[in-house]
Amino acid sequence: MEKHVTFKTQGVCSQKIDFDLVDGIVHNVVFTGGCRGNTQGVARLAEGMSAEEIIKRCKGIECRGNNSCPNQLALALEQNI
């Protein structure tokens, strides 16, 4: 199953996250806005990883309060797997 997701973030510097899910594997992650180096790093590390593994590694990471761009990616994946 293949699915493209556009997720509007909340409470972080990035405005949205786009990604593709193919049989539970994450591809083509693109953050719009945010700290460019950090979001590009997270996107590259997530490429080809299972959604469950990304959720396990990124959920709960804090940057601004109890939230972060990696945490938002984890929430987006939780809502779409």
PDB file of N, CA and C in Angstrom:
ATOM      1  N   MET A   1       0.850  -1.178   0.000  1.00  0.00           N
ATOM      2  CA  MET A   1       0.000   0.000   0.000  1.00  0.00           C
ATOM      3  C   MET A   1       0.895   1.240   0.000  1.00  0.00           C
ATOM      4  N   GLU A   2       0.581   2.178  -0.862  1.00  0.00           N
ATOM      5  CA  GLU A   2       1.356   3.417  -0.954  1.00  0.00           C
ATOM      6  C   GLU A   2       0.459   4.605  -0.611  1.00  0.00           C
ATOM      7  N   LYS A   3       1.013   5.536   0.167  1.00  0.00           N
ATOM      8  CA  LYS A   3       0.225   6.687   0.624  1.00  0.00           C
ATOM      9  C   LYS A   3       1.128   7.903   0.753  1.00  0.00           C
ATOM     10  N   HIS A   4       0.689   9.038   0.213  1.00  0.00           N
ATOM     11  CA  HIS A   4       1.401  10.301   0.421  1.00  0.00           C
ATOM     12  C   HIS A   4       0.684  11.069   1.528  1.00  0.00           C
ATOM     13  N   VAL A   5       1.471  11.636   2.451  1.00  0.00           N
ATOM     14  CA  VAL A   5       0.907  12.349   3.593  1.00  0.00           C
ATOM     15  C   VAL A   5       1.479  13.761   3.648  1.00  0.00           C
ATOM     16  N   THR A   6       0.604  14.724   3.863  1.00  0.00           N
ATOM     17  CA  THR A   6       0.996  16.086   4.204  1.00  0.00           C
ATOM     18  C   THR A   6       0.428  16.359   5.589  1.00  0.00           C
ATOM     19  N   PHE A   7       1.312  16.601   6.547  1.00  0.00           N
ATOM     20  CA  PHE A   7       0.923  16.772   7.944  1.00  0.00           C
ATOM     21  C   PHE A   7       1.233  18.189   8.386  1.00  0.00           C
ATOM     22  N   LYS A   8       0.216  18.914   8.841  1.00  0.00           N
ATOM     23  CA  LYS A   8       0.419  20.270   9.354  1.00  0.00           C
ATOM     24  C   LYS A   8       0.892  20.167  10.798  1.00  0.00           C
ATOM     25  N   THR A   9       2.098  20.670  11.043  1.00  0.00           N
ATOM     26  CA  THR A   9       2.685  20.583  12.374  1.00  0.00           C
ATOM     27  C   THR A   9       2.066  21.608  13.320  1.00  0.00           C
ATOM     28  N   GLN A  10       2.268  21.380  14.602  1.00  0.00           N
ATOM     29  CA  GLN A  10       1.763  22.298  15.627  1.00  0.00           C
ATOM     30  C   GLN A  10       2.833  22.521  16.690  1.00  0.00           C
ATOM     31  N   GLY A  11       3.075  23.791  17.017  1.00  0.00           N
ATOM     32  CA  GLY A  11       3.947  24.134  18.126  1.00  0.00           C
ATOM     33  C   GLY A  11       5.437  24.026  17.864  1.00  0.00           C
ATOM     34  N   VAL A  12       5.830  23.921  16.588  1.00  0.00           N
ATOM     35  CA  VAL A  12       7.250  23.826  16.233  1.00  0.00           C
ATOM     36  C   VAL A  12       7.560  24.803  15.104  1.00  0.00           C
ATOM     37  N   CYS A  13       8.826  24.940  14.781  1.00  0.00           N
ATOM     38  CA  CYS A  13       9.247  25.892  13.738  1.00  0.00           C
ATOM     39  C   CYS A  13       8.824  25.468  12.338  1.00  0.00           C
ATOM     40  N   SER A  14       8.824  24.176  12.056  1.00  0.00           N
ATOM     41  CA  SER A  14       8.383  23.736  10.728  1.00  0.00           C
ATOM     42  C   SER A  14       6.867  23.878  10.620  1.00  0.00           C
ATOM     43  N   GLN A  15       6.406  24.157   9.400  1.00  0.00           N
ATOM     44  CA  GLN A  15       4.970  24.341   9.188  1.00  0.00           C
ATOM     45  C   GLN A  15       4.255  23.057   8.768  1.00  0.00           C
ATOM     46  N   LYS A  16       4.989  22.187   8.056  1.00  0.00           N
ATOM     47  CA  LYS A  16       4.371  20.935   7.619  1.00  0.00           C
ATOM     48  C   LYS A  16       5.454  19.914   7.321  1.00  0.00           C
ATOM     49  N   ILE A  17       5.014  18.657   7.257  1.00  0.00           N
ATOM     50  CA  ILE A  17       5.891  17.549   6.899  1.00  0.00           C
ATOM     51  C   ILE A  17       5.184  16.758   5.806  1.00  0.00           C
ATOM     52  N   ASP A  18       5.891  16.518   4.708  1.00  0.00           N
ATOM     53  CA  ASP A  18       5.394  15.654   3.646  1.00  0.00           C
ATOM     54  C   ASP A  18       6.223  14.378   3.642  1.00  0.00           C
ATOM     55  N   PHE A  19       5.567  13.247   3.409  1.00  0.00           N
ATOM     56  CA  PHE A  19       6.295  11.983   3.290  1.00  0.00           C
ATOM     57  C   PHE A  19       5.424  10.956   2.594  1.00  0.00           C
ATOM     58  N   ASP A  20       6.079   9.900   2.129  1.00  0.00           N
ATOM     59  CA  ASP A  20       5.381   8.774   1.520  1.00  0.00           C
ATOM     60  C   ASP A  20       5.537   7.566   2.425  1.00  0.00           C
ATOM     61  N   LEU A  21       4.476   6.799   2.525  1.00  0.00           N
ATOM     62  CA  LEU A  21       4.492   5.525   3.238  1.00  0.00           C
ATOM     63  C   LEU A  21       4.248   4.421   2.222  1.00  0.00           C
ATOM     64  N   VAL A  22       5.168   3.481   2.124  1.00  0.00           N
ATOM     65  CA  VAL A  22       5.014   2.352   1.219  1.00  0.00           C
ATOM     66  C   VAL A  22       5.166   1.085   2.045  1.00  0.00           C
ATOM     67  N   ASP A  23       4.059   0.396   2.253  1.00  0.00           N
ATOM     68  CA  ASP A  23       4.048  -0.825   3.064  1.00  0.00           C
ATOM     69  C   ASP A  23       4.725  -0.626   4.422  1.00  0.00           C
ATOM     70  N   GLY A  24       4.434   0.500   5.061  1.00  0.00           N
ATOM     71  CA  GLY A  24       4.946   0.780   6.399  1.00  0.00           C
ATOM     72  C   GLY A  24       6.359   1.337   6.442  1.00  0.00           C
ATOM     73  N   ILE A  25       6.962   1.563   5.273  1.00  0.00           N
ATOM     74  CA  ILE A  25       8.312   2.109   5.185  1.00  0.00           C
ATOM     75  C   ILE A  25       8.218   3.572   4.746  1.00  0.00           C
ATOM     76  N   VAL A  26       9.006   4.431   5.370  1.00  0.00           N
ATOM     77  CA  VAL A  26       8.945   5.877   5.137  1.00  0.00           C
ATOM     78  C   VAL A  26       9.940   6.290   4.052  1.00  0.00           C
ATOM     79  N   HIS A  27       9.459   7.132   3.137  1.00  0.00           N
ATOM     80  CA  HIS A  27      10.289   7.646   2.044  1.00  0.00           C
ATOM     81  C   HIS A  27       9.984   9.128   1.811  1.00  0.00           C
ATOM     82  N   ASN A  28      10.959   9.829   1.256  1.00  0.00           N
ATOM     83  CA  ASN A  28      10.770  11.204   0.747  1.00  0.00           C
ATOM     84  C   ASN A  28      10.259  12.180   1.796  1.00  0.00           C
ATOM     85  N   VAL A  29      10.844  12.157   2.986  1.00  0.00           N
ATOM     86  CA  VAL A  29      10.427  13.082   4.042  1.00  0.00           C
ATOM     87  C   VAL A  29      10.957  14.475   3.720  1.00  0.00           C
ATOM     88  N   VAL A  30      10.043  15.458   3.751  1.00  0.00           N
ATOM     89  CA  VAL A  30      10.419  16.855   3.521  1.00  0.00           C
ATOM     90  C   VAL A  30       9.718  17.711   4.569  1.00  0.00           C
ATOM     91  N   PHE A  31      10.516  18.420   5.368  1.00  0.00           N
ATOM     92  CA  PHE A  31       9.980  19.388   6.317  1.00  0.00           C
ATOM     93  C   PHE A  31       9.948  20.744   5.630  1.00  0.00           C
ATOM     94  N   THR A  32       8.870  21.484   5.784  1.00  0.00           N
ATOM     95  CA  THR A  32       8.786  22.861   5.300  1.00  0.00           C
ATOM     96  C   THR A  32       8.995  23.776   6.495  1.00  0.00           C
ATOM     97  N   GLY A  33      10.070  24.551   6.447  1.00  0.00           N
ATOM     98  CA  GLY A  33      10.430  25.406   7.569  1.00  0.00           C
ATOM     99  C   GLY A  33      11.220  24.635   8.597  1.00  0.00           C
ATOM    100  N   GLY A  34      11.472  25.281   9.695  1.00  0.00           N
ATOM    101  CA  GLY A  34      12.236  24.653  10.762  1.00  0.00           C
ATOM    102  C   GLY A  34      13.726  24.873  10.597  1.00  0.00           C
ATOM    103  N   CYS A  35      14.497  24.288  11.468  1.00  0.00           N
ATOM    104  CA  CYS A  35      15.958  24.389  11.422  1.00  0.00           C
ATOM    105  C   CYS A  35      16.450  23.493  10.293  1.00  0.00           C
ATOM    106  N   ARG A  36      16.899  24.110   9.234  1.00  0.00           N
ATOM    107  CA  ARG A  36      17.174  23.395   7.990  1.00  0.00           C
ATOM    108  C   ARG A  36      18.096  22.188   8.175  1.00  0.00           C
ATOM    109  N   GLY A  37      19.204  22.370   8.840  1.00  0.00           N
ATOM    110  CA  GLY A  37      20.137  21.260   9.028  1.00  0.00           C
ATOM    111  C   GLY A  37      19.533  20.117   9.817  1.00  0.00           C
ATOM    112  N   ASN A  38      18.845  20.454  10.891  1.00  0.00           N
ATOM    113  CA  ASN A  38      18.239  19.421  11.729  1.00  0.00           C
ATOM    114  C   ASN A  38      17.132  18.675  11.000  1.00  0.00           C
ATOM    115  N   THR A  39      16.264  19.404  10.321  1.00  0.00           N
ATOM    116  CA  THR A  39      15.155  18.722   9.636  1.00  0.00           C
ATOM    117  C   THR A  39      15.652  17.895   8.462  1.00  0.00           C
ATOM    118  N   GLN A  40      16.689  18.380   7.762  1.00  0.00           N
ATOM    119  CA  GLN A  40      17.262  17.565   6.674  1.00  0.00           C
ATOM    120  C   GLN A  40      17.905  16.306   7.248  1.00  0.00           C
ATOM    121  N   GLY A  41      18.563  16.440   8.385  1.00  0.00           N
ATOM    122  CA  GLY A  41      19.172  15.274   9.020  1.00  0.00           C
ATOM    123  C   GLY A  41      18.141  14.240   9.421  1.00  0.00           C
ATOM    124  N   VAL A  42      17.072  14.688  10.056  1.00  0.00           N
ATOM    125  CA  VAL A  42      16.004  13.769  10.458  1.00  0.00           C
ATOM    126  C   VAL A  42      15.404  13.104   9.222  1.00  0.00           C
ATOM    127  N   ALA A  43      15.159  13.884   8.183  1.00  0.00           N
ATOM    128  CA  ALA A  43      14.575  13.339   6.953  1.00  0.00           C
ATOM    129  C   ALA A  43      15.461  12.264   6.341  1.00  0.00           C
ATOM    130  N   ARG A  44      16.763  12.508   6.284  1.00  0.00           N
ATOM    131  CA  ARG A  44      17.682  11.524   5.696  1.00  0.00           C
ATOM    132  C   ARG A  44      17.784  10.270   6.550  1.00  0.00           C
ATOM    133  N   LEU A  45      17.799  10.447   7.859  1.00  0.00           N
ATOM    134  CA  LEU A  45      17.865   9.281   8.737  1.00  0.00           C
ATOM    135  C   LEU A  45      16.588   8.440   8.653  1.00  0.00           C
ATOM    136  N   ALA A  46      15.451   9.089   8.425  1.00  0.00           N
ATOM    137  CA  ALA A  46      14.176   8.381   8.363  1.00  0.00           C
ATOM    138  C   ALA A  46      14.000   7.607   7.052  1.00  0.00           C
ATOM    139  N   GLU A  47      14.698   7.996   6.007  1.00  0.00           N
ATOM    140  CA  GLU A  47      14.535   7.377   4.691  1.00  0.00           C
ATOM    141  C   GLU A  47      14.758   5.866   4.763  1.00  0.00           C
ATOM    142  N   GLY A  48      13.744   5.124   4.334  1.00  0.00           N
ATOM    143  CA  GLY A  48      13.833   3.668   4.277  1.00  0.00           C
ATOM    144  C   GLY A  48      13.603   2.957   5.597  1.00  0.00           C
ATOM    145  N   MET A  49      13.302   3.707   6.642  1.00  0.00           N
ATOM    146  CA  MET A  49      13.076   3.117   7.966  1.00  0.00           C
ATOM    147  C   MET A  49      11.586   2.816   8.140  1.00  0.00           C
ATOM    148  N   SER A  50      11.294   1.844   8.958  1.00  0.00           N
ATOM    149  CA  SER A  50       9.879   1.543   9.215  1.00  0.00           C
ATOM    150  C   SER A  50       9.259   2.664  10.046  1.00  0.00           C
ATOM    151  N   ALA A  51       7.988   2.894   9.811  1.00  0.00           N
ATOM    152  CA  ALA A  51       7.263   3.917  10.564  1.00  0.00           C
ATOM    153  C   ALA A  51       7.321   3.619  12.057  1.00  0.00           C
ATOM    154  N   GLU A  52       7.190   2.342  12.427  1.00  0.00           N
ATOM    155  CA  GLU A  52       7.207   1.968  13.835  1.00  0.00           C
ATOM    156  C   GLU A  52       8.544   2.314  14.491  1.00  0.00           C
ATOM    157  N   GLU A  53       9.647   2.094  13.781  1.00  0.00           N
ATOM    158  CA  GLU A  53      10.968   2.390  14.339  1.00  0.00           C
ATOM    159  C   GLU A  53      11.164   3.898  14.521  1.00  0.00           C
ATOM    160  N   ILE A  54      10.692   4.692  13.547  1.00  0.00           N
ATOM    161  CA  ILE A  54      10.799   6.151  13.661  1.00  0.00           C
ATOM    162  C   ILE A  54       9.979   6.640  14.853  1.00  0.00           C
ATOM    163  N   ILE A  55       8.782   6.119  15.000  1.00  0.00           N
ATOM    164  CA  ILE A  55       7.934   6.495  16.141  1.00  0.00           C
ATOM    165  C   ILE A  55       8.655   6.171  17.444  1.00  0.00           C
ATOM    166  N   LYS A  56       9.218   4.976  17.526  1.00  0.00           N
ATOM    167  CA  LYS A  56       9.928   4.539  18.733  1.00  0.00           C
ATOM    168  C   LYS A  56      11.095   5.471  19.057  1.00  0.00           C
ATOM    169  N   ARG A  57      11.827   5.900  18.038  1.00  0.00           N
ATOM    170  CA  ARG A  57      13.021   6.713  18.255  1.00  0.00           C
ATOM    171  C   ARG A  57      12.726   8.201  18.447  1.00  0.00           C
ATOM    172  N   CYS A  58      11.657   8.709  17.821  1.00  0.00           N
ATOM    173  CA  CYS A  58      11.437  10.166  17.778  1.00  0.00           C
ATOM    174  C   CYS A  58      10.344  10.686  18.696  1.00  0.00           C
ATOM    175  N   LYS A  59       9.407   9.823  19.073  1.00  0.00           N
ATOM    176  CA  LYS A  59       8.301  10.292  19.909  1.00  0.00           C
ATOM    177  C   LYS A  59       8.827  10.747  21.263  1.00  0.00           C
ATOM    178  N   GLY A  60       8.439  11.956  21.643  1.00  0.00           N
ATOM    179  CA  GLY A  60       8.807  12.486  22.948  1.00  0.00           C
ATOM    180  C   GLY A  60      10.070  13.330  22.957  1.00  0.00           C
ATOM    181  N   ILE A  61      10.757  13.450  21.807  1.00  0.00           N
ATOM    182  CA  ILE A  61      11.928  14.323  21.761  1.00  0.00           C
ATOM    183  C   ILE A  61      11.458  15.752  21.978  1.00  0.00           C
ATOM    184  N   GLU A  62      12.151  16.474  22.849  1.00  0.00           N
ATOM    185  CA  GLU A  62      11.744  17.833  23.192  1.00  0.00           C
ATOM    186  C   GLU A  62      12.702  18.864  22.603  1.00  0.00           C
ATOM    187  N   CYS A  63      12.149  19.969  22.134  1.00  0.00           N
ATOM    188  CA  CYS A  63      12.920  21.120  21.670  1.00  0.00           C
ATOM    189  C   CYS A  63      12.263  22.383  22.221  1.00  0.00           C
ATOM    190  N   ARG A  64      11.029  22.574  21.839  1.00  0.00           N
ATOM    191  CA  ARG A  64      10.232  23.710  22.330  1.00  0.00           C
ATOM    192  C   ARG A  64       9.158  23.144  23.248  1.00  0.00           C
ATOM    193  N   GLY A  65       9.380  23.294  24.530  1.00  0.00           N
ATOM    194  CA  GLY A  65       8.426  22.704  25.466  1.00  0.00           C
ATOM    195  C   GLY A  65       8.498  21.194  25.373  1.00  0.00           C
ATOM    196  N   ASN A  66       7.370  20.569  25.248  1.00  0.00           N
ATOM    197  CA  ASN A  66       7.305  19.108  25.141  1.00  0.00           C
ATOM    198  C   ASN A  66       7.178  18.660  23.697  1.00  0.00           C
ATOM    199  N   ASN A  67       7.738  19.414  22.758  1.00  0.00           N
ATOM    200  CA  ASN A  67       7.513  19.145  21.351  1.00  0.00           C
ATOM    201  C   ASN A  67       8.802  19.356  20.571  1.00  0.00           C
ATOM    202  N   SER A  68       8.846  18.844  19.348  1.00  0.00           N
ATOM    203  CA  SER A  68       9.974  19.031  18.437  1.00  0.00           C
ATOM    204  C   SER A  68       9.546  18.592  17.036  1.00  0.00           C
ATOM    205  N   CYS A  69      10.340  18.916  16.042  1.00  0.00           N
ATOM    206  CA  CYS A  69      10.045  18.446  14.685  1.00  0.00           C
ATOM    207  C   CYS A  69      10.097  16.919  14.592  1.00  0.00           C
ATOM    208  N   PRO A  70      11.099  16.236  15.213  1.00  0.00           N
ATOM    209  CA  PRO A  70      11.066  14.771  15.190  1.00  0.00           C
ATOM    210  C   PRO A  70       9.824  14.206  15.881  1.00  0.00           C
ATOM    211  N   ASN A  71       9.406  14.820  16.984  1.00  0.00           N
ATOM    212  CA  ASN A  71       8.193  14.379  17.661  1.00  0.00           C
ATOM    213  C   ASN A  71       6.974  14.543  16.760  1.00  0.00           C
ATOM    214  N   GLN A  72       6.916  15.648  16.020  1.00  0.00           N
ATOM    215  CA  GLN A  72       5.805  15.867  15.095  1.00  0.00           C
ATOM    216  C   GLN A  72       5.796  14.807  13.988  1.00  0.00           C
ATOM    217  N   LEU A  73       6.983  14.409  13.513  1.00  0.00           N
ATOM    218  CA  LEU A  73       7.052  13.327  12.522  1.00  0.00           C
ATOM    219  C   LEU A  73       6.487  12.042  13.118  1.00  0.00           C
ATOM    220  N   ALA A  74       6.856  11.740  14.347  1.00  0.00           N
ATOM    221  CA  ALA A  74       6.329  10.540  15.001  1.00  0.00           C
ATOM    222  C   ALA A  74       4.817  10.600  15.119  1.00  0.00           C
ATOM    223  N   LEU A  75       4.273  11.753  15.493  1.00  0.00           N
ATOM    224  CA  LEU A  75       2.815  11.898  15.602  1.00  0.00           C
ATOM    225  C   LEU A  75       2.135  11.748  14.239  1.00  0.00           C
ATOM    226  N   ALA A  76       2.757  12.323  13.208  1.00  0.00           N
ATOM    227  CA  ALA A  76       2.212  12.199  11.854  1.00  0.00           C
ATOM    228  C   ALA A  76       2.167  10.737  11.422  1.00  0.00           C
ATOM    229  N   LEU A  77       3.220  10.004  11.735  1.00  0.00           N
ATOM    230  CA  LEU A  77       3.260   8.586  11.370  1.00  0.00           C
ATOM    231  C   LEU A  77       2.227   7.799  12.154  1.00  0.00           C
ATOM    232  N   GLU A  78       2.104   8.066  13.444  1.00  0.00           N
ATOM    233  CA  GLU A  78       1.093   7.367  14.261  1.00  0.00           C
ATOM    234  C   GLU A  78      -0.300   7.528  13.673  1.00  0.00           C
ATOM    235  N   GLN A  79      -0.585   8.705  13.161  1.00  0.00           N
ATOM    236  CA  GLN A  79      -1.911   8.987  12.621  1.00  0.00           C
ATOM    237  C   GLN A  79      -2.135   8.352  11.244  1.00  0.00           C
ATOM    238  N   ASN A  80      -1.066   7.862  10.617  1.00  0.00           N
ATOM    239  CA  ASN A  80      -1.198   7.417   9.233  1.00  0.00           C
ATOM    240  C   ASN A  80      -0.750   5.982   8.963  1.00  0.00           C
ATOM    241  N   ILE A  81      -0.414   5.230  10.020  1.00  0.00           N
ATOM    242  CA  ILE A  81      -0.072   3.818   9.774  1.00  0.00           C
ATOM    243  C   ILE A  81      -1.254   2.931  10.093  1.00  0.00           C
TER     244      ILE A  81
END
